[in-house]
N, C-alpha and C. Protein backbone atom coordinates (compact mmCIF):
# COMPACT_ATOMS: atom_id res chain seq x y z
N MET A 1 -25.91 -37.88 -23.94
CA MET A 1 -25.54 -36.91 -23.39
C MET A 1 -27.38 -37.76 -22.46
N PRO A 2 -27.11 -37.35 -20.38
CA PRO A 2 -28.54 -38.10 -20.46
C PRO A 2 -29.38 -37.19 -20.77
N SER A 3 -30.94 -37.28 -21.04
CA SER A 3 -32.09 -36.20 -21.20
C SER A 3 -31.46 -35.01 -20.40
N ASN A 4 -31.86 -35.33 -19.11
CA ASN A 4 -32.06 -34.23 -18.35
C ASN A 4 -31.05 -32.98 -18.37
N GLN A 5 -29.90 -33.45 -18.50
CA GLN A 5 -28.75 -32.97 -19.17
C GLN A 5 -29.09 -32.02 -20.13
N ARG A 6 -29.50 -32.94 -21.16
CA ARG A 6 -29.71 -32.38 -22.21
C ARG A 6 -30.57 -30.92 -21.95
N GLU A 7 -31.72 -31.20 -21.51
CA GLU A 7 -32.33 -30.75 -20.88
C GLU A 7 -32.13 -29.21 -20.13
N ILE A 8 -31.28 -29.40 -19.43
CA ILE A 8 -30.65 -27.95 -18.94
C ILE A 8 -29.91 -27.38 -19.13
N LEU A 9 -28.50 -28.20 -20.36
CA LEU A 9 -27.91 -27.59 -21.56
C LEU A 9 -29.35 -27.05 -22.80
N ASP A 10 -29.68 -26.07 -22.59
CA ASP A 10 -31.03 -26.16 -23.95
C ASP A 10 -29.92 -24.52 -24.25
N PRO A 11 -29.85 -24.28 -25.71
CA PRO A 11 -29.23 -23.20 -25.96
C PRO A 11 -29.48 -21.53 -25.21
N THR A 12 -29.96 -21.29 -24.76
CA THR A 12 -30.38 -20.21 -23.48
C THR A 12 -29.80 -20.40 -22.56
N ASN A 13 -29.40 -21.88 -22.21
CA ASN A 13 -28.26 -22.47 -20.82
C ASN A 13 -26.94 -21.82 -21.51
N VAL A 14 -27.00 -22.85 -22.25
CA VAL A 14 -25.60 -22.99 -22.95
C VAL A 14 -25.36 -21.18 -23.34
N THR A 15 -25.93 -20.63 -23.39
CA THR A 15 -25.29 -19.48 -23.90
C THR A 15 -25.50 -18.09 -21.82
N LEU A 16 -26.02 -18.81 -21.23
CA LEU A 16 -26.01 -18.68 -19.93
C LEU A 16 -24.35 -18.45 -19.80
N LEU A 17 -24.27 -19.60 -19.39
CA LEU A 17 -22.79 -20.29 -18.92
C LEU A 17 -21.49 -19.89 -19.48
N ALA A 18 -21.85 -19.47 -20.53
CA ALA A 18 -20.97 -18.92 -21.29
C ALA A 18 -20.46 -18.06 -21.30
N GLU A 19 -21.27 -16.87 -20.60
CA GLU A 19 -20.88 -15.39 -20.30
C GLU A 19 -21.05 -14.63 -18.86
N LEU A 20 -21.35 -16.18 -17.95
CA LEU A 20 -21.00 -16.04 -16.82
C LEU A 20 -19.44 -16.37 -16.88
N GLN A 21 -18.99 -17.53 -17.53
CA GLN A 21 -17.45 -17.71 -17.59
C GLN A 21 -16.31 -17.20 -17.64
N GLY A 22 -17.66 -16.23 -18.65
CA GLY A 22 -16.49 -14.68 -19.21
C GLY A 22 -16.67 -13.94 -17.96
N ASP A 23 -17.27 -12.99 -17.23
CA ASP A 23 -17.68 -12.97 -16.11
C ASP A 23 -18.38 -12.86 -15.55
N ALA A 24 -18.40 -13.30 -13.84
CA ALA A 24 -19.31 -14.07 -13.82
C ALA A 24 -19.99 -13.19 -12.22
N ARG A 25 -19.31 -11.91 -12.80
CA ARG A 25 -19.92 -10.63 -11.53
C ARG A 25 -21.43 -10.09 -13.07
N LEU A 26 -21.49 -10.27 -13.73
CA LEU A 26 -22.60 -9.67 -14.96
C LEU A 26 -23.44 -9.32 -14.22
N THR A 27 -24.57 -9.21 -14.37
CA THR A 27 -25.64 -8.35 -13.19
C THR A 27 -26.25 -10.05 -13.54
N LEU A 28 -27.80 -9.35 -13.33
CA LEU A 28 -29.17 -10.38 -14.03
C LEU A 28 -29.59 -9.93 -15.27
N ALA A 29 -29.78 -8.05 -15.56
CA ALA A 29 -30.28 -7.55 -15.77
C ALA A 29 -28.78 -7.78 -16.89
N GLU A 30 -27.79 -7.63 -16.58
CA GLU A 30 -27.12 -7.84 -18.59
C GLU A 30 -27.33 -8.95 -18.76
N LEU A 31 -26.83 -10.21 -18.14
CA LEU A 31 -27.44 -11.34 -18.52
C LEU A 31 -28.68 -11.16 -19.30
N GLY A 32 -29.22 -11.08 -18.91
CA GLY A 32 -30.99 -11.13 -18.77
C GLY A 32 -30.63 -10.28 -20.61
N ARG A 33 -30.21 -8.84 -21.22
CA ARG A 33 -30.92 -9.01 -22.01
C ARG A 33 -29.06 -9.34 -22.73
N ARG A 34 -28.09 -10.15 -22.78
CA ARG A 34 -27.81 -11.08 -23.38
C ARG A 34 -28.07 -12.08 -23.97
N VAL A 35 -29.53 -12.82 -23.27
CA VAL A 35 -30.20 -14.15 -23.70
C VAL A 35 -31.69 -13.85 -23.82
N GLY A 36 -31.63 -12.23 -23.76
CA GLY A 36 -33.13 -12.52 -23.61
C GLY A 36 -34.46 -12.49 -23.41
N LEU A 37 -33.88 -12.66 -21.90
CA LEU A 37 -34.65 -12.83 -21.18
C LEU A 37 -34.70 -11.55 -19.67
N SER A 38 -36.38 -12.17 -19.58
CA SER A 38 -36.16 -10.70 -18.08
C SER A 38 -35.08 -11.32 -17.01
N SER A 39 -34.72 -10.57 -15.78
CA SER A 39 -34.56 -10.84 -14.46
C SER A 39 -34.40 -11.59 -14.12
N PRO A 40 -35.99 -11.31 -13.65
CA PRO A 40 -36.89 -13.13 -13.33
C PRO A 40 -36.27 -13.93 -13.89
N ALA A 41 -36.90 -14.58 -15.29
CA ALA A 41 -36.21 -16.03 -15.93
C ALA A 41 -34.99 -16.26 -15.32
N VAL A 42 -34.08 -15.73 -15.92
CA VAL A 42 -32.32 -15.66 -15.71
C VAL A 42 -32.39 -16.69 -14.24
N ALA A 43 -32.51 -15.68 -12.88
CA ALA A 43 -31.95 -16.31 -11.52
C ALA A 43 -32.69 -17.82 -11.61
N GLU A 44 -33.87 -17.50 -12.20
CA GLU A 44 -35.06 -19.42 -12.62
C GLU A 44 -33.45 -19.76 -13.11
N ARG A 45 -32.97 -20.11 -13.60
CA ARG A 45 -32.51 -20.24 -14.52
C ARG A 45 -30.83 -20.69 -14.15
N LEU A 46 -30.49 -20.07 -13.56
CA LEU A 46 -29.10 -19.45 -12.88
C LEU A 46 -29.49 -20.55 -11.43
N GLN A 47 -30.81 -20.84 -10.98
CA GLN A 47 -30.98 -21.02 -9.42
C GLN A 47 -30.91 -23.55 -10.00
N ARG A 48 -31.47 -23.24 -10.80
CA ARG A 48 -31.30 -24.45 -11.57
C ARG A 48 -30.67 -24.95 -12.24
N LEU A 49 -29.36 -23.97 -12.21
CA LEU A 49 -28.47 -25.45 -12.95
C LEU A 49 -27.23 -25.17 -11.74
N GLN A 50 -27.78 -24.05 -10.67
CA GLN A 50 -26.49 -24.58 -9.22
C GLN A 50 -27.46 -25.71 -8.49
N ASP A 51 -28.50 -25.82 -9.00
CA ASP A 51 -29.10 -27.44 -8.30
C ASP A 51 -29.02 -28.54 -8.94
N ALA A 52 -28.32 -28.43 -9.89
CA ALA A 52 -28.78 -29.60 -10.53
C ALA A 52 -26.81 -29.28 -10.83
N GLY A 53 -26.19 -28.66 -9.77
CA GLY A 53 -24.83 -28.27 -10.56
C GLY A 53 -23.67 -28.57 -11.50
N VAL A 54 -24.08 -28.11 -12.23
CA VAL A 54 -24.03 -27.16 -13.19
C VAL A 54 -23.00 -26.52 -13.09
N ILE A 55 -23.28 -25.77 -11.87
CA ILE A 55 -22.77 -23.96 -11.71
C ILE A 55 -22.37 -24.65 -9.76
N THR A 56 -21.55 -24.06 -9.70
CA THR A 56 -20.65 -24.72 -8.23
C THR A 56 -19.93 -23.62 -7.66
N GLY A 57 -20.23 -22.60 -7.98
CA GLY A 57 -19.54 -21.21 -7.22
C GLY A 57 -18.98 -20.04 -8.12
N TYR A 58 -18.95 -19.59 -7.62
CA TYR A 58 -19.23 -17.39 -8.13
C TYR A 58 -17.45 -17.80 -7.38
N HIS A 59 -16.36 -17.28 -8.86
CA HIS A 59 -14.81 -17.25 -7.65
C HIS A 59 -14.00 -15.76 -8.40
N ALA A 60 -13.81 -15.26 -7.54
CA ALA A 60 -12.59 -13.59 -8.14
C ALA A 60 -11.26 -14.71 -8.17
N ALA A 61 -10.64 -14.41 -9.52
CA ALA A 61 -9.11 -14.62 -9.09
C ALA A 61 -7.83 -13.42 -9.06
N VAL A 62 -7.20 -14.55 -8.66
CA VAL A 62 -6.63 -13.56 -7.54
C VAL A 62 -5.16 -14.05 -8.34
N ASP A 63 -3.95 -12.73 -8.43
CA ASP A 63 -2.90 -13.67 -8.87
C ASP A 63 -2.05 -13.61 -7.74
N PRO A 64 -1.79 -14.86 -7.41
CA PRO A 64 -0.81 -15.47 -5.93
C PRO A 64 0.36 -14.22 -5.82
N ARG A 65 1.08 -13.72 -7.20
CA ARG A 65 2.71 -12.76 -7.07
C ARG A 65 1.47 -11.97 -6.48
N ALA A 66 0.38 -11.27 -6.62
CA ALA A 66 0.31 -9.90 -6.06
C ALA A 66 -0.37 -9.76 -4.65
N ILE A 67 0.10 -10.44 -4.22
CA ILE A 67 -0.50 -10.84 -2.93
C ILE A 67 0.58 -11.53 -2.00
N GLY A 68 1.66 -11.44 -2.61
CA GLY A 68 3.07 -12.01 -1.76
C GLY A 68 3.29 -13.36 -2.44
N TYR A 69 2.66 -13.85 -3.14
CA TYR A 69 2.94 -15.50 -2.91
C TYR A 69 4.00 -16.03 -4.57
N THR A 70 5.69 -16.22 -4.08
CA THR A 70 6.30 -15.40 -6.10
C THR A 70 6.39 -17.03 -6.00
N LEU A 71 5.89 -17.69 -5.70
CA LEU A 71 6.37 -18.79 -5.96
C LEU A 71 5.27 -20.32 -6.54
N GLY A 72 4.71 -20.48 -7.79
CA GLY A 72 4.57 -21.61 -7.62
C GLY A 72 4.89 -23.06 -7.91
N ALA A 73 4.70 -24.44 -7.33
CA ALA A 73 4.95 -25.21 -7.26
C ALA A 73 3.94 -26.07 -8.12
N ILE A 74 4.31 -27.98 -8.42
CA ILE A 74 3.89 -28.72 -8.31
C ILE A 74 4.38 -29.60 -7.90
N LEU A 75 3.14 -30.51 -6.95
CA LEU A 75 4.48 -31.78 -6.35
C LEU A 75 3.20 -32.83 -6.66
N ARG A 76 4.20 -33.79 -6.56
CA ARG A 76 4.63 -35.41 -7.67
C ARG A 76 3.88 -35.85 -5.86
N ILE A 77 2.80 -37.01 -5.61
CA ILE A 77 3.39 -36.94 -3.61
C ILE A 77 2.55 -38.99 -4.34
N ARG A 78 4.38 -39.48 -4.04
CA ARG A 78 3.77 -41.20 -3.71
C ARG A 78 3.67 -41.36 -2.44
N PRO A 79 1.85 -41.31 -2.26
CA PRO A 79 2.27 -42.16 -0.07
C PRO A 79 3.16 -43.44 0.18
N ALA A 80 3.44 -43.80 1.25
CA ALA A 80 3.75 -44.98 1.55
C ALA A 80 1.93 -45.50 1.22
N PRO A 81 2.83 -46.80 1.90
CA PRO A 81 1.11 -48.36 1.89
C PRO A 81 0.55 -47.15 3.35
N ARG A 82 -1.28 -47.47 2.91
CA ARG A 82 -2.45 -46.86 3.48
C ARG A 82 -2.22 -45.50 3.77
N GLN A 83 -0.89 -44.45 3.71
CA GLN A 83 -1.30 -43.50 3.80
C GLN A 83 -1.57 -42.14 3.00
N ILE A 84 -2.32 -43.04 2.21
CA ILE A 84 -3.33 -42.27 1.10
C ILE A 84 -3.77 -41.50 1.17
N ALA A 85 -4.74 -41.70 2.38
CA ALA A 85 -6.23 -40.42 3.36
C ALA A 85 -5.04 -39.58 4.18
N LYS A 86 -4.01 -39.43 4.62
CA LYS A 86 -3.18 -39.22 5.16
C LYS A 86 -3.08 -37.93 3.98
N VAL A 87 -2.20 -38.05 2.93
CA VAL A 87 -1.99 -37.16 2.49
C VAL A 87 -3.07 -36.48 1.91
N ALA A 88 -3.94 -36.99 1.68
CA ALA A 88 -5.20 -35.80 0.89
C ALA A 88 -5.85 -35.24 2.18
N ALA A 89 -5.95 -35.52 3.66
CA ALA A 89 -6.06 -34.57 5.13
C ALA A 89 -4.48 -33.76 5.19
N ILE A 90 -3.49 -33.68 4.75
CA ILE A 90 -2.54 -33.24 4.69
C ILE A 90 -2.91 -31.71 4.02
N ALA A 91 -3.25 -32.29 2.41
CA ALA A 91 -3.61 -30.99 1.76
C ALA A 91 -4.41 -30.12 1.83
N GLN A 92 -5.78 -31.32 2.21
CA GLN A 92 -6.96 -30.29 2.08
C GLN A 92 -7.02 -29.21 3.92
N ARG A 93 -6.08 -29.31 4.92
CA ARG A 93 -5.78 -28.64 5.68
C ARG A 93 -3.95 -27.53 4.52
N THR A 94 -3.46 -27.86 3.89
CA THR A 94 -2.45 -27.08 3.60
C THR A 94 -3.18 -25.58 3.39
N PRO A 95 -2.65 -24.76 3.52
CA PRO A 95 -3.57 -23.61 3.61
C PRO A 95 -2.89 -23.04 1.95
N GLU A 96 -1.20 -23.35 1.48
CA GLU A 96 -0.65 -23.41 0.49
C GLU A 96 -1.24 -24.06 -0.95
N VAL A 97 -1.67 -25.09 -0.47
CA VAL A 97 -2.79 -25.81 -1.58
C VAL A 97 -3.65 -25.23 -1.92
N VAL A 98 -3.71 -25.27 -3.71
CA VAL A 98 -4.31 -24.46 -3.80
C VAL A 98 -4.83 -25.55 -5.37
N GLU A 99 -4.72 -26.42 -5.72
CA GLU A 99 -5.19 -28.05 -6.21
C GLU A 99 -5.13 -29.00 -5.52
N CYS A 100 -5.20 -29.86 -5.71
CA CYS A 100 -4.61 -32.16 -5.36
C CYS A 100 -5.91 -32.51 -5.87
N HIS A 101 -5.37 -33.58 -6.53
CA HIS A 101 -5.87 -34.11 -7.92
C HIS A 101 -5.12 -35.75 -7.26
N ARG A 102 -6.36 -36.01 -6.89
CA ARG A 102 -6.19 -37.78 -7.52
C ARG A 102 -5.83 -38.63 -8.72
N ILE A 103 -4.13 -39.58 -8.96
CA ILE A 103 -3.49 -39.84 -10.30
C ILE A 103 -3.97 -40.52 -10.29
N THR A 104 -4.19 -41.32 -11.41
CA THR A 104 -3.20 -42.41 -11.62
C THR A 104 -1.64 -42.69 -12.79
N GLY A 105 -1.59 -43.58 -12.21
CA GLY A 105 -0.02 -44.02 -12.64
C GLY A 105 0.63 -44.10 -11.27
N GLU A 106 2.06 -44.02 -10.85
CA GLU A 106 3.48 -44.04 -10.21
C GLU A 106 3.15 -43.21 -8.75
N ASP A 107 2.85 -42.29 -9.67
CA ASP A 107 2.27 -41.14 -8.45
C ASP A 107 0.60 -41.30 -7.41
N CYS A 108 0.03 -40.68 -6.50
CA CYS A 108 -1.33 -40.61 -6.64
C CYS A 108 -1.96 -39.37 -6.19
N PHE A 109 -1.32 -38.96 -6.47
CA PHE A 109 -1.63 -37.41 -5.93
C PHE A 109 -0.36 -36.01 -6.93
N LEU A 110 -1.47 -34.84 -7.74
CA LEU A 110 -0.64 -34.27 -8.52
C LEU A 110 -1.56 -32.56 -7.39
N VAL A 111 -0.54 -32.27 -7.04
CA VAL A 111 -0.89 -30.96 -6.24
C VAL A 111 0.02 -29.60 -6.27
N LYS A 112 -1.01 -28.52 -6.53
CA LYS A 112 -0.85 -27.41 -6.61
C LYS A 112 -0.40 -26.95 -5.12
N VAL A 113 0.74 -25.98 -5.20
CA VAL A 113 1.15 -24.93 -4.32
C VAL A 113 1.71 -23.54 -4.97
N HIS A 114 1.61 -22.78 -3.63
CA HIS A 114 2.04 -21.71 -3.87
C HIS A 114 2.28 -21.08 -2.49
N VAL A 115 4.19 -19.97 -3.02
CA VAL A 115 4.39 -19.90 -1.43
C VAL A 115 4.78 -18.89 -1.46
N ALA A 116 5.38 -18.35 -0.37
CA ALA A 116 6.18 -17.05 -0.92
C ALA A 116 7.93 -16.76 -1.12
N ARG A 117 8.56 -18.00 -0.54
CA ARG A 117 10.16 -18.02 -0.59
C ARG A 117 9.76 -19.51 -0.06
N ILE A 118 11.41 -20.34 -0.67
CA ILE A 118 11.54 -21.55 -1.14
C ILE A 118 11.42 -22.17 0.31
N GLN A 119 12.14 -21.56 0.90
CA GLN A 119 11.81 -21.86 3.08
C GLN A 119 10.75 -22.95 3.56
N ASP A 120 9.45 -21.69 2.77
CA ASP A 120 8.51 -22.48 2.50
C ASP A 120 7.94 -23.09 2.01
N LEU A 121 8.47 -23.58 0.92
CA LEU A 121 7.91 -24.47 -0.50
C LEU A 121 8.74 -26.25 0.27
N GLU A 122 9.87 -25.45 1.34
CA GLU A 122 10.69 -26.72 1.93
C GLU A 122 9.75 -27.54 4.09
N GLU A 123 9.06 -26.24 3.97
CA GLU A 123 7.92 -26.96 5.08
C GLU A 123 6.89 -26.69 4.85
N VAL A 124 6.47 -26.87 3.64
CA VAL A 124 5.39 -27.29 3.27
C VAL A 124 5.75 -29.39 2.66
N LEU A 125 6.67 -29.48 1.44
CA LEU A 125 6.76 -30.82 1.18
C LEU A 125 7.25 -31.09 2.33
N ASP A 126 8.11 -31.11 3.28
CA ASP A 126 8.57 -31.74 5.14
C ASP A 126 7.03 -32.18 5.74
N ARG A 127 6.02 -31.52 5.50
CA ARG A 127 4.17 -31.97 6.21
C ARG A 127 4.08 -33.26 5.06
N PHE A 128 4.32 -33.45 3.93
CA PHE A 128 4.36 -34.83 3.50
C PHE A 128 4.94 -35.82 2.64
N LEU A 129 6.41 -35.17 2.64
CA LEU A 129 8.13 -36.76 3.36
C LEU A 129 7.69 -37.21 4.70
N LEU A 130 6.74 -37.24 5.53
CA LEU A 130 6.28 -38.02 6.46
C LEU A 130 5.57 -39.06 5.62
N TYR A 131 4.75 -39.01 5.07
CA TYR A 131 3.84 -40.16 4.28
C TYR A 131 4.36 -40.53 3.27
N GLY A 132 5.69 -40.19 2.62
CA GLY A 132 5.45 -41.04 1.38
C GLY A 132 7.05 -39.69 0.33
N GLN A 133 6.81 -40.41 -0.36
CA GLN A 133 7.94 -39.90 -1.41
C GLN A 133 6.71 -38.04 -1.91
N THR A 134 8.26 -37.33 -2.70
CA THR A 134 7.56 -35.86 -3.38
C THR A 134 8.40 -35.83 -4.32
N VAL A 135 8.51 -35.50 -5.24
CA VAL A 135 8.71 -34.98 -6.61
C VAL A 135 8.34 -33.50 -6.64
N SER A 136 9.27 -32.57 -6.46
CA SER A 136 8.58 -31.01 -6.24
C SER A 136 8.81 -30.54 -8.25
N SER A 137 8.79 -29.50 -9.10
CA SER A 137 8.58 -29.24 -10.44
C SER A 137 8.52 -27.63 -9.94
N ILE A 138 9.82 -26.17 -9.66
CA ILE A 138 8.77 -24.93 -9.92
C ILE A 138 7.86 -24.28 -10.98
N VAL A 139 7.02 -24.32 -10.92
CA VAL A 139 6.69 -23.06 -11.92
C VAL A 139 6.87 -21.53 -12.15
N VAL A 140 7.62 -22.25 -13.26
CA VAL A 140 8.23 -20.86 -14.45
C VAL A 140 7.67 -19.73 -15.32
N SER A 141 6.55 -20.37 -15.97
CA SER A 141 5.85 -19.97 -16.33
C SER A 141 4.62 -20.51 -16.48
N THR A 142 3.04 -20.09 -16.90
CA THR A 142 2.19 -20.89 -17.15
C THR A 142 1.45 -20.56 -18.80
N PRO A 143 2.12 -21.19 -19.55
CA PRO A 143 1.44 -20.78 -20.77
C PRO A 143 -0.42 -20.75 -21.42
N VAL A 144 -0.98 -21.54 -20.24
CA VAL A 144 -2.57 -21.93 -20.44
C VAL A 144 -2.95 -21.52 -19.33
N PRO A 145 -3.39 -20.24 -18.56
CA PRO A 145 -3.93 -20.15 -17.23
C PRO A 145 -5.32 -21.34 -16.71
N PRO A 146 -5.37 -20.74 -16.09
CA PRO A 146 -7.11 -21.42 -15.46
C PRO A 146 -8.02 -20.63 -16.76
N ARG A 147 -8.59 -21.56 -17.31
CA ARG A 147 -9.83 -20.90 -18.67
C ARG A 147 -10.90 -22.00 -19.02
N PRO A 148 -12.03 -21.30 -18.94
CA PRO A 148 -12.97 -21.61 -19.16
C PRO A 148 -13.33 -22.66 -19.99
N LEU A 149 -14.31 -23.96 -19.67
CA LEU A 149 -14.43 -25.00 -20.82
C LEU A 149 -15.32 -24.73 -21.21
N PRO A 150 -14.75 -25.35 -22.55
CA PRO A 150 -15.95 -24.50 -23.65
C PRO A 150 -17.50 -25.48 -23.34
N VAL A 151 -18.47 -24.63 -23.30
CA VAL A 151 -19.74 -25.07 -23.02
C VAL A 151 -20.25 -26.00 -23.67
N PRO A 152 -20.56 -27.58 -24.49
CA PRO A 152 -20.68 -28.26 -24.82
C PRO A 152 -23.09 -27.78 -25.11
N GLY A 153 -22.80 -27.70 -26.14
CA GLY A 153 -24.05 -27.70 -27.03
C GLY A 153 -24.98 -28.28 -25.92
N PRO A 154 -26.57 -28.28 -26.44
CA PRO A 154 -27.22 -29.88 -26.37
C PRO A 154 -27.64 -30.66 -26.94
N GLY A 155 -26.83 -31.54 -28.19
CA GLY A 155 -26.36 -32.46 -28.52
C GLY A 155 -25.58 -33.54 -27.89
N GLY A 156 -24.51 -32.22 -26.96
CA GLY A 156 -23.68 -32.94 -26.98
C GLY A 156 -22.03 -32.19 -26.06
N ALA A 157 -21.50 -33.10 -25.75
CA ALA A 157 -20.05 -32.66 -25.42
C ALA A 157 -18.89 -31.26 -26.72
N GLY A 158 -18.85 -30.42 -26.41
CA GLY A 158 -18.18 -29.66 -28.07
C GLY A 158 -18.65 -29.15 -28.38
């Protein structure tokens, strides 16, 4: 780990990151109580973590089913020759796409989508089929939902 990363991930910041991953709605005062700092000191540390790109945002976790997106699917996409950029652009423009990863192997993209109905999934697939082959899998359950990463200590990962 580079020395500047070791400095930014001191024990106090590691604790701050763990607390925020557990509940990003904690107030500065509560975070301060948990790590033994004043609210302004916590705010300064959080700003440094943001400036360093360690904290990239604060998000609300929303259950897709609760807002009408009852069907989740994973798409593997193999673009036709010279169509990689077009597939990436379609993924960026498609609101049902919640994740898109460029991957190695036979397929070039792994895409996660949420739709209300199977007909909506067909429409999403049709957008990509113009530029390559797709393989879709319906999500039936999620044994490991998105979860916080383990925050490495000052000495390195894990």
